[in-house]
Amino acid sequence: MICGDIDFACTKCRLSKGRTQVVPGTGPCNSRIVFIGEAPGREEDLKGEPFVGRGGKLLDKVLEEAGSDRSEVFICNLVKCRPPNNRRPKKDEIEACSQFLKSELETVRPKVICALGQTVASNLLNRKGKMADLAKTSVSANVAGIRVKFFVAYHPAACLYQRKNIGSLKRSIQASLKAAKRKT
């Protein structure tokens, strides 16, 4: 289910030129937990849904192992269009998309937000830092005017790209998800 106002014809930034389609968040509009990723990848751009590629399959598995599943949570991204070559979204692109993320969060009104990755955490908390330090973050925060418990977890793609550290990264994601679930 799509929650919030999304402009499927948006051309506010350069990302609109290379996308196949806009990728809005999906999940129950009354979810108590929202997971926010960085940006759609290739599979997400083709399908029009967040976290449906390899990283999404890993997120599904981690959710299941944490005692939850995708049908219970809302999943979205900072930006709604795929950046070229899966690069990180730039500050102006995040800003151009911020109204859509804000609309999603205002509609869902979660109790918990779990930021997946350094880019999301840094932007929403307005805090710089290494992911190893940010991943330990668990704070009460105002996000889009909503008071939430805010957790930071490694992005599932980090597990896929850092195979030698997959066990510890996966445990970090699971720990954050379990803590987030306890707060709802």
C-alpha atoms as a PDB file:
ATOM      1  CA  MET A   1       0.000   0.000   0.000  1.00  0.00           C
ATOM      2  CA  ILE A   2       1.311   3.460  -0.846  1.00  0.00           C
ATOM      3  CA  CYS A   3       1.136   5.913   2.045  1.00  0.00           C
ATOM      4  CA  GLY A   4       1.500   9.665   1.634  1.00  0.00           C
ATOM      5  CA  ASP A   5       1.608  11.902  -1.411  1.00  0.00           C
ATOM      6  CA  ILE A   6       4.014  10.775  -4.118  1.00  0.00           C
ATOM      7  CA  ASP A   7       4.450  12.633  -7.402  1.00  0.00           C
ATOM      8  CA  PHE A   8       5.008   9.873  -9.948  1.00  0.00           C
ATOM      9  CA  ALA A   9       5.851  12.494 -12.605  1.00  0.00           C
ATOM     10  CA  CYS A  10       8.341  14.369 -10.390  1.00  0.00           C
ATOM     11  CA  THR A  11      11.212  16.099 -12.208  1.00  0.00           C
ATOM     12  CA  LYS A  12      12.598  18.102  -9.256  1.00  0.00           C
ATOM     13  CA  CYS A  13      16.100  16.657  -9.575  1.00  0.00           C
ATOM     14  CA  ARG A  14      18.454  14.963 -12.049  1.00  0.00           C
ATOM     15  CA  LEU A  15      17.489  11.477 -10.823  1.00  0.00           C
ATOM     16  CA  SER A  16      14.221  11.722 -12.757  1.00  0.00           C
ATOM     17  CA  LYS A  17      16.136  11.606 -16.050  1.00  0.00           C
ATOM     18  CA  GLY A  18      17.507   8.094 -15.585  1.00  0.00           C
ATOM     19  CA  ARG A  19      14.766   6.306 -13.694  1.00  0.00           C
ATOM     20  CA  THR A  20      12.388   3.697 -15.016  1.00  0.00           C
ATOM     21  CA  GLN A  21       9.822   4.706 -12.416  1.00  0.00           C
ATOM     22  CA  VAL A  22       9.382   6.377  -9.041  1.00  0.00           C
ATOM     23  CA  VAL A  23       9.699   3.924  -6.137  1.00  0.00           C
ATOM     24  CA  PRO A  24       7.366   4.880  -3.260  1.00  0.00           C
ATOM     25  CA  GLY A  25       7.453   3.243   0.153  1.00  0.00           C
ATOM     26  CA  THR A  26       5.251   0.215   0.738  1.00  0.00           C
ATOM     27  CA  GLY A  27       3.631  -1.472   3.691  1.00  0.00           C
ATOM     28  CA  PRO A  28       0.780  -0.878   6.109  1.00  0.00           C
ATOM     29  CA  CYS A  29      -0.040   2.801   6.515  1.00  0.00           C
ATOM     30  CA  ASN A  30      -0.502   2.186  10.239  1.00  0.00           C
ATOM     31  CA  SER A  31       2.802   0.378  10.779  1.00  0.00           C
ATOM     32  CA  ARG A  32       4.536   1.063  14.069  1.00  0.00           C
ATOM     33  CA  ILE A  33       7.969   0.528  12.474  1.00  0.00           C
ATOM     34  CA  VAL A  34       9.405   2.235   9.386  1.00  0.00           C
ATOM     35  CA  PHE A  35      12.638   1.162   7.724  1.00  0.00           C
ATOM     36  CA  ILE A  36      14.310   3.825   5.620  1.00  0.00           C
ATOM     37  CA  GLY A  37      16.959   2.921   3.057  1.00  0.00           C
ATOM     38  CA  GLU A  38      19.097   5.156   0.909  1.00  0.00           C
ATOM     39  CA  ALA A  39      17.716   4.822  -2.626  1.00  0.00           C
ATOM     40  CA  PRO A  40      16.215   2.307  -5.039  1.00  0.00           C
ATOM     41  CA  GLY A  41      18.603  -0.021  -6.842  1.00  0.00           C
ATOM     42  CA  ARG A  42      18.222  -1.614 -10.261  1.00  0.00           C
ATOM     43  CA  GLU A  43      15.627  -4.231  -9.239  1.00  0.00           C
ATOM     44  CA  GLU A  44      13.616  -1.683  -7.278  1.00  0.00           C
ATOM     45  CA  ASP A  45      13.640   0.740 -10.217  1.00  0.00           C
ATOM     46  CA  LEU A  46      12.331  -1.985 -12.519  1.00  0.00           C
ATOM     47  CA  LYS A  47       9.669  -3.319 -10.143  1.00  0.00           C
ATOM     48  CA  GLY A  48       8.613  -0.026  -8.512  1.00  0.00           C
ATOM     49  CA  GLU A  49       8.971  -1.351  -4.935  1.00  0.00           C
ATOM     50  CA  PRO A  50      11.678  -0.777  -2.323  1.00  0.00           C
ATOM     51  CA  PHE A  51      14.001  -3.566  -1.180  1.00  0.00           C
ATOM     52  CA  VAL A  52      13.078  -6.281  -3.689  1.00  0.00           C
ATOM     53  CA  GLY A  53      16.603  -7.085  -4.889  1.00  0.00           C
ATOM     54  CA  ARG A  54      19.317  -9.060  -3.104  1.00  0.00           C
ATOM     55  CA  GLY A  55      19.476  -6.558  -0.229  1.00  0.00           C
ATOM     56  CA  GLY A  56      15.696  -6.780   0.142  1.00  0.00           C
ATOM     57  CA  LYS A  57      15.781 -10.558   0.308  1.00  0.00           C
ATOM     58  CA  LEU A  58      18.383 -10.334   3.055  1.00  0.00           C
ATOM     59  CA  LEU A  59      16.258  -7.741   4.883  1.00  0.00           C
ATOM     60  CA  ASP A  60      13.282 -10.116   4.663  1.00  0.00           C
ATOM     61  CA  LYS A  61      15.388 -12.911   6.163  1.00  0.00           C
ATOM     62  CA  VAL A  62      16.695 -10.681   8.954  1.00  0.00           C
ATOM     63  CA  LEU A  63      13.156  -9.464   9.699  1.00  0.00           C
ATOM     64  CA  GLU A  64      11.986 -13.058   9.934  1.00  0.00           C
ATOM     65  CA  GLU A  65      14.858 -14.009  12.239  1.00  0.00           C
ATOM     66  CA  ALA A  66      13.984 -11.005  14.424  1.00  0.00           C
ATOM     67  CA  GLY A  67      10.396 -12.273  14.738  1.00  0.00           C
ATOM     68  CA  SER A  68       8.736 -10.011  12.189  1.00  0.00           C
ATOM     69  CA  ASP A  69       8.067  -9.866   8.468  1.00  0.00           C
ATOM     70  CA  ARG A  70       7.669  -7.387   5.657  1.00  0.00           C
ATOM     71  CA  SER A  71       3.863  -7.345   5.881  1.00  0.00           C
ATOM     72  CA  GLU A  72       4.097  -5.722   9.336  1.00  0.00           C
ATOM     73  CA  VAL A  73       6.466  -2.857   8.511  1.00  0.00           C
ATOM     74  CA  PHE A  74       6.619   0.130   6.192  1.00  0.00           C
ATOM     75  CA  ILE A  75       9.738   0.262   4.013  1.00  0.00           C
ATOM     76  CA  CYS A  76      10.854   3.312   2.039  1.00  0.00           C
ATOM     77  CA  ASN A  77      13.916   5.261   0.884  1.00  0.00           C
ATOM     78  CA  LEU A  78      15.330   8.764   1.300  1.00  0.00           C
ATOM     79  CA  VAL A  79      15.011   9.284  -2.449  1.00  0.00           C
ATOM     80  CA  LYS A  80      12.407   7.716  -4.676  1.00  0.00           C
ATOM     81  CA  CYS A  81      14.453   7.390  -7.891  1.00  0.00           C
ATOM     82  CA  ARG A  82      17.533   5.289  -8.618  1.00  0.00           C
ATOM     83  CA  PRO A  83      20.818   7.196  -8.698  1.00  0.00           C
ATOM     84  CA  PRO A  84      23.074   6.376 -11.675  1.00  0.00           C
ATOM     85  CA  ASN A  85      25.305   3.341 -11.079  1.00  0.00           C
ATOM     86  CA  ASN A  86      23.768   2.987  -7.599  1.00  0.00           C
ATOM     87  CA  ARG A  87      25.837   5.889  -6.287  1.00  0.00           C
ATOM     88  CA  ARG A  88      24.831   7.608  -3.054  1.00  0.00           C
ATOM     89  CA  PRO A  89      22.181  10.265  -3.515  1.00  0.00           C
ATOM     90  CA  LYS A  90      23.515  13.809  -3.389  1.00  0.00           C
ATOM     91  CA  LYS A  91      22.364  16.368  -0.837  1.00  0.00           C
ATOM     92  CA  ASP A  92      20.232  18.313  -3.351  1.00  0.00           C
ATOM     93  CA  GLU A  93      18.541  15.089  -4.532  1.00  0.00           C
ATOM     94  CA  ILE A  94      17.716  14.138  -0.943  1.00  0.00           C
ATOM     95  CA  GLU A  95      16.338  17.618  -0.369  1.00  0.00           C
ATOM     96  CA  ALA A  96      14.219  17.445  -3.547  1.00  0.00           C
ATOM     97  CA  CYS A  97      12.676  14.170  -2.321  1.00  0.00           C
ATOM     98  CA  SER A  98      12.337  15.163   1.341  1.00  0.00           C
ATOM     99  CA  GLN A  99       8.708  16.256   1.004  1.00  0.00           C
ATOM    100  CA  PHE A 100       7.725  12.769  -0.191  1.00  0.00           C
ATOM    101  CA  LEU A 101       9.479  11.031   2.714  1.00  0.00           C
ATOM    102  CA  LYS A 102       7.923  13.549   5.109  1.00  0.00           C
ATOM    103  CA  SER A 103       4.476  12.826   3.659  1.00  0.00           C
ATOM    104  CA  GLU A 104       5.001   9.075   4.060  1.00  0.00           C
ATOM    105  CA  LEU A 105       6.089   9.473   7.679  1.00  0.00           C
ATOM    106  CA  GLU A 106       3.226  11.869   8.482  1.00  0.00           C
ATOM    107  CA  THR A 107       0.754   9.343   7.073  1.00  0.00           C
ATOM    108  CA  VAL A 108       2.231   6.263   8.782  1.00  0.00           C
ATOM    109  CA  ARG A 109       3.094   8.030  12.080  1.00  0.00           C
ATOM    110  CA  PRO A 110       5.454   5.285  13.281  1.00  0.00           C
ATOM    111  CA  LYS A 111       6.655   4.779  16.839  1.00  0.00           C
ATOM    112  CA  VAL A 112      10.049   3.551  15.615  1.00  0.00           C
ATOM    113  CA  ILE A 113      12.252   4.454  12.658  1.00  0.00           C
ATOM    114  CA  CYS A 114      15.155   2.227  11.713  1.00  0.00           C
ATOM    115  CA  ALA A 115      17.642   3.995   9.453  1.00  0.00           C
ATOM    116  CA  LEU A 116      19.430   1.522   7.201  1.00  0.00           C
ATOM    117  CA  GLY A 117      22.917   2.822   6.547  1.00  0.00           C
ATOM    118  CA  GLN A 118      25.168   5.803   7.079  1.00  0.00           C
ATOM    119  CA  THR A 119      23.585   8.085   4.472  1.00  0.00           C
ATOM    120  CA  VAL A 120      20.117   7.764   6.015  1.00  0.00           C
ATOM    121  CA  ALA A 121      21.358   8.107   9.583  1.00  0.00           C
ATOM    122  CA  SER A 122      23.535  11.120   8.820  1.00  0.00           C
ATOM    123  CA  ASN A 123      20.762  12.920   6.954  1.00  0.00           C
ATOM    124  CA  LEU A 124      17.904  12.263   9.357  1.00  0.00           C
ATOM    125  CA  LEU A 125      19.921  12.800  12.538  1.00  0.00           C
ATOM    126  CA  ASN A 126      22.008  15.600  11.025  1.00  0.00           C
ATOM    127  CA  ARG A 127      25.034  13.855  12.489  1.00  0.00           C
ATOM    128  CA  LYS A 128      28.272  12.815  10.807  1.00  0.00           C
ATOM    129  CA  GLY A 129      30.188   9.727  11.796  1.00  0.00           C
ATOM    130  CA  LYS A 130      31.465   6.339  10.820  1.00  0.00           C
ATOM    131  CA  MET A 131      28.866   3.642  10.375  1.00  0.00           C
ATOM    132  CA  ALA A 132      30.472   1.548  13.123  1.00  0.00           C
ATOM    133  CA  ASP A 133      29.678   4.374  15.566  1.00  0.00           C
ATOM    134  CA  LEU A 134      26.300   5.330  14.101  1.00  0.00           C
ATOM    135  CA  ALA A 135      25.106   1.705  14.212  1.00  0.00           C
ATOM    136  CA  LYS A 136      25.137   1.949  17.999  1.00  0.00           C
ATOM    137  CA  THR A 137      22.704   4.882  17.904  1.00  0.00           C
ATOM    138  CA  SER A 138      19.376   4.549  19.664  1.00  0.00           C
ATOM    139  CA  VAL A 139      17.786   7.896  20.485  1.00  0.00           C
ATOM    140  CA  SER A 140      14.449   9.616  20.808  1.00  0.00           C
ATOM    141  CA  ALA A 141      14.182  12.102  17.975  1.00  0.00           C
ATOM    142  CA  ASN A 142      11.794  14.311  16.055  1.00  0.00           C
ATOM    143  CA  VAL A 143      11.640  13.154  12.450  1.00  0.00           C
ATOM    144  CA  ALA A 144       9.196  14.927  10.126  1.00  0.00           C
ATOM    145  CA  GLY A 145       7.600  16.459  13.227  1.00  0.00           C
ATOM    146  CA  ILE A 146       6.932  13.042  14.783  1.00  0.00           C
ATOM    147  CA  ARG A 147       8.528  11.951  18.060  1.00  0.00           C
ATOM    148  CA  VAL A 148      10.017   8.493  17.471  1.00  0.00           C
ATOM    149  CA  LYS A 149      12.556   6.071  18.831  1.00  0.00           C
ATOM    150  CA  PHE A 150      15.290   6.195  16.202  1.00  0.00           C
ATOM    151  CA  PHE A 151      17.632   3.263  15.562  1.00  0.00           C
ATOM    152  CA  VAL A 152      20.497   2.960  13.127  1.00  0.00           C
ATOM    153  CA  ALA A 153      21.377  -0.384  11.523  1.00  0.00           C
ATOM    154  CA  TYR A 154      23.740  -1.412   8.769  1.00  0.00           C
ATOM    155  CA  HIS A 155      22.154  -1.467   5.337  1.00  0.00           C
ATOM    156  CA  PRO A 156      21.543  -5.071   4.197  1.00  0.00           C
ATOM    157  CA  ALA A 157      23.666  -4.365   1.109  1.00  0.00           C
ATOM    158  CA  ALA A 158      26.661  -3.862   3.423  1.00  0.00           C
ATOM    159  CA  CYS A 159      26.389  -7.553   4.285  1.00  0.00           C
ATOM    160  CA  LEU A 160      26.392  -8.480   0.620  1.00  0.00           C
ATOM    161  CA  TYR A 161      29.410  -6.306  -0.239  1.00  0.00           C
ATOM    162  CA  GLN A 162      31.473  -7.167   2.828  1.00  0.00           C
ATOM    163  CA  ARG A 163      31.259 -10.961   2.748  1.00  0.00           C
ATOM    164  CA  LYS A 164      34.079 -11.452   5.240  1.00  0.00           C
ATOM    165  CA  ASN A 165      32.154  -9.416   7.847  1.00  0.00           C
ATOM    166  CA  ILE A 166      28.697 -10.739   6.940  1.00  0.00           C
ATOM    167  CA  GLY A 167      28.139 -12.466  10.286  1.00  0.00           C
ATOM    168  CA  SER A 168      28.882  -9.436  12.454  1.00  0.00           C
ATOM    169  CA  LEU A 169      27.009  -7.025  10.158  1.00  0.00           C
ATOM    170  CA  LYS A 170      23.987  -9.319  10.058  1.00  0.00           C
ATOM    171  CA  ARG A 171      24.024  -9.640  13.872  1.00  0.00           C
ATOM    172  CA  SER A 172      24.177  -5.839  14.122  1.00  0.00           C
ATOM    173  CA  ILE A 173      21.121  -5.489  11.861  1.00  0.00           C
ATOM    174  CA  GLN A 174      19.251  -8.166  13.840  1.00  0.00           C
ATOM    175  CA  ALA A 175      20.089  -6.527  17.168  1.00  0.00           C
ATOM    176  CA  SER A 176      18.793  -3.172  15.906  1.00  0.00           C
ATOM    177  CA  LEU A 177      15.612  -4.772  14.534  1.00  0.00           C
ATOM    178  CA  LYS A 178      14.904  -6.650  17.754  1.00  0.00           C
ATOM    179  CA  ALA A 179      15.463  -3.489  19.810  1.00  0.00           C
ATOM    180  CA  ALA A 180      13.202  -1.533  17.463  1.00  0.00           C
ATOM    181  CA  LYS A 181      10.476  -4.160  17.768  1.00  0.00           C
ATOM    182  CA  ARG A 182      10.639  -4.049  21.574  1.00  0.00           C
ATOM    183  CA  LYS A 183       9.998  -0.289  21.448  1.00  0.00           C
ATOM    184  CA  THR A 184       6.712  -0.593  19.533  1.00  0.00           C
END
